[in-house]
Amino acid sequence: MMKKFTDEELILYIYKDAAAALTRAIDAAIEEDIVLKDRMRVLERTIKQLDKLKLKSPSKKSIKAILDYAQTGKKPHG
């Protein structure tokens, strides 16, 4: 029976952060498991799409409100 890999393990593999043993196991499994190969393609495509997103930073007002709340425990008015 083939080992089931978690999305976290596969993402580590894609980013080349997986341990050597895990990398070898995934390399071998990809050669034999078409479903895993397709799953990897989907994850890789998703990661590429997420990397293209332009993320906006929160406003200075929002950051100040969060820091004030963290310090005082009181919610801002308004």
C-alpha atoms as a PDB file:
ATOM      1  CA  MET A   1       0.000   0.000   0.000  1.00  0.00           C
ATOM      2  CA  MET A   2       1.267   3.426  -0.947  1.00  0.00           C
ATOM      3  CA  LYS A   3       1.833   6.027   1.784  1.00  0.00           C
ATOM      4  CA  LYS A   4      -0.645   8.897   1.841  1.00  0.00           C
ATOM      5  CA  PHE A   5       1.133  12.240   1.965  1.00  0.00           C
ATOM      6  CA  THR A   6      -0.386  15.288   3.627  1.00  0.00           C
ATOM      7  CA  ASP A   7      -0.663  18.595   1.798  1.00  0.00           C
ATOM      8  CA  GLU A   8       1.875  19.973   4.273  1.00  0.00           C
ATOM      9  CA  GLU A   9       4.415  17.294   3.329  1.00  0.00           C
ATOM     10  CA  LEU A  10       3.841  17.920  -0.367  1.00  0.00           C
ATOM     11  CA  ILE A  11       4.218  21.684   0.073  1.00  0.00           C
ATOM     12  CA  LEU A  12       7.489  21.141   1.935  1.00  0.00           C
ATOM     13  CA  TYR A  13       8.587  18.988  -1.003  1.00  0.00           C
ATOM     14  CA  ILE A  14       7.583  21.632  -3.568  1.00  0.00           C
ATOM     15  CA  TYR A  15       9.520  24.319  -1.671  1.00  0.00           C
ATOM     16  CA  LYS A  16      12.464  21.905  -1.281  1.00  0.00           C
ATOM     17  CA  ASP A  17      12.195  22.091   2.522  1.00  0.00           C
ATOM     18  CA  ALA A  18      11.347  18.424   3.097  1.00  0.00           C
ATOM     19  CA  ALA A  19      13.701  16.103   4.934  1.00  0.00           C
ATOM     20  CA  ALA A  20      15.798  13.871   2.679  1.00  0.00           C
ATOM     21  CA  ALA A  21      13.818  10.729   3.570  1.00  0.00           C
ATOM     22  CA  LEU A  22      10.507  12.423   2.787  1.00  0.00           C
ATOM     23  CA  THR A  23      11.879  13.783  -0.495  1.00  0.00           C
ATOM     24  CA  ARG A  24      12.993  10.287  -1.538  1.00  0.00           C
ATOM     25  CA  ALA A  25       9.613   8.814  -0.580  1.00  0.00           C
ATOM     26  CA  ILE A  26       7.690  11.426  -2.565  1.00  0.00           C
ATOM     27  CA  ASP A  27      10.052  11.085  -5.557  1.00  0.00           C
ATOM     28  CA  ALA A  28       9.420   7.348  -5.625  1.00  0.00           C
ATOM     29  CA  ALA A  29       5.658   7.683  -5.111  1.00  0.00           C
ATOM     30  CA  ILE A  30       5.273  10.250  -7.900  1.00  0.00           C
ATOM     31  CA  GLU A  31       6.804   7.778 -10.356  1.00  0.00           C
ATOM     32  CA  GLU A  32       4.162   5.156  -9.531  1.00  0.00           C
ATOM     33  CA  ASP A  33       1.045   7.116  -8.527  1.00  0.00           C
ATOM     34  CA  ILE A  34      -0.750   9.135 -11.226  1.00  0.00           C
ATOM     35  CA  VAL A  35      -3.221  10.519  -8.660  1.00  0.00           C
ATOM     36  CA  LEU A  36      -0.347  11.859  -6.568  1.00  0.00           C
ATOM     37  CA  LYS A  37       1.291  13.308  -9.679  1.00  0.00           C
ATOM     38  CA  ASP A  38      -1.950  15.159 -10.507  1.00  0.00           C
ATOM     39  CA  ARG A  39      -2.301  16.339  -6.900  1.00  0.00           C
ATOM     40  CA  MET A  40       1.236  17.734  -7.055  1.00  0.00           C
ATOM     41  CA  ARG A  41       0.417  19.621 -10.268  1.00  0.00           C
ATOM     42  CA  VAL A  42      -2.638  21.179  -8.609  1.00  0.00           C
ATOM     43  CA  LEU A  43      -0.628  22.222  -5.550  1.00  0.00           C
ATOM     44  CA  GLU A  44       2.172  23.668  -7.697  1.00  0.00           C
ATOM     45  CA  ARG A  45      -0.314  25.618  -9.821  1.00  0.00           C
ATOM     46  CA  THR A  46      -2.090  26.909  -6.683  1.00  0.00           C
ATOM     47  CA  ILE A  47       1.204  28.025  -5.140  1.00  0.00           C
ATOM     48  CA  LYS A  48       2.169  29.867  -8.333  1.00  0.00           C
ATOM     49  CA  GLN A  49      -1.205  31.641  -8.382  1.00  0.00           C
ATOM     50  CA  LEU A  50      -0.915  32.622  -4.710  1.00  0.00           C
ATOM     51  CA  ASP A  51       2.614  33.929  -5.281  1.00  0.00           C
ATOM     52  CA  LYS A  52       1.255  36.261  -7.985  1.00  0.00           C
ATOM     53  CA  LEU A  53      -1.291  37.889  -5.659  1.00  0.00           C
ATOM     54  CA  LYS A  54      -0.546  41.432  -4.646  1.00  0.00           C
ATOM     55  CA  LEU A  55      -1.214  41.626  -0.933  1.00  0.00           C
ATOM     56  CA  LYS A  56      -2.132  44.935   0.635  1.00  0.00           C
ATOM     57  CA  SER A  57      -0.829  45.997   4.008  1.00  0.00           C
ATOM     58  CA  PRO A  58      -3.362  47.006   6.642  1.00  0.00           C
ATOM     59  CA  SER A  59      -3.862  50.739   7.145  1.00  0.00           C
ATOM     60  CA  LYS A  60      -1.891  52.585   9.809  1.00  0.00           C
ATOM     61  CA  LYS A  61      -5.194  53.213  11.603  1.00  0.00           C
ATOM     62  CA  SER A  62      -5.894  49.465  11.761  1.00  0.00           C
ATOM     63  CA  ILE A  63      -2.407  48.668  13.014  1.00  0.00           C
ATOM     64  CA  LYS A  64      -2.669  51.355  15.695  1.00  0.00           C
ATOM     65  CA  ALA A  65      -6.075  50.035  16.820  1.00  0.00           C
ATOM     66  CA  ILE A  66      -4.700  46.485  17.089  1.00  0.00           C
ATOM     67  CA  LEU A  67      -1.624  47.597  19.038  1.00  0.00           C
ATOM     68  CA  ASP A  68      -3.730  49.792  21.339  1.00  0.00           C
ATOM     69  CA  TYR A  69      -6.094  46.902  21.985  1.00  0.00           C
ATOM     70  CA  ALA A  70      -3.190  44.536  22.659  1.00  0.00           C
ATOM     71  CA  GLN A  71      -1.750  46.979  25.153  1.00  0.00           C
ATOM     72  CA  THR A  72      -4.921  48.070  26.958  1.00  0.00           C
ATOM     73  CA  GLY A  73      -7.443  45.351  26.232  1.00  0.00           C
ATOM     74  CA  LYS A  74      -9.983  48.046  25.335  1.00  0.00           C
ATOM     75  CA  LYS A  75     -11.697  48.134  21.970  1.00  0.00           C
ATOM     76  CA  PRO A  76     -11.404  51.420  20.054  1.00  0.00           C
ATOM     77  CA  HIS A  77     -14.457  53.638  19.709  1.00  0.00           C
ATOM     78  CA  GLY A  78     -16.048  54.101  16.309  1.00  0.00           C
END
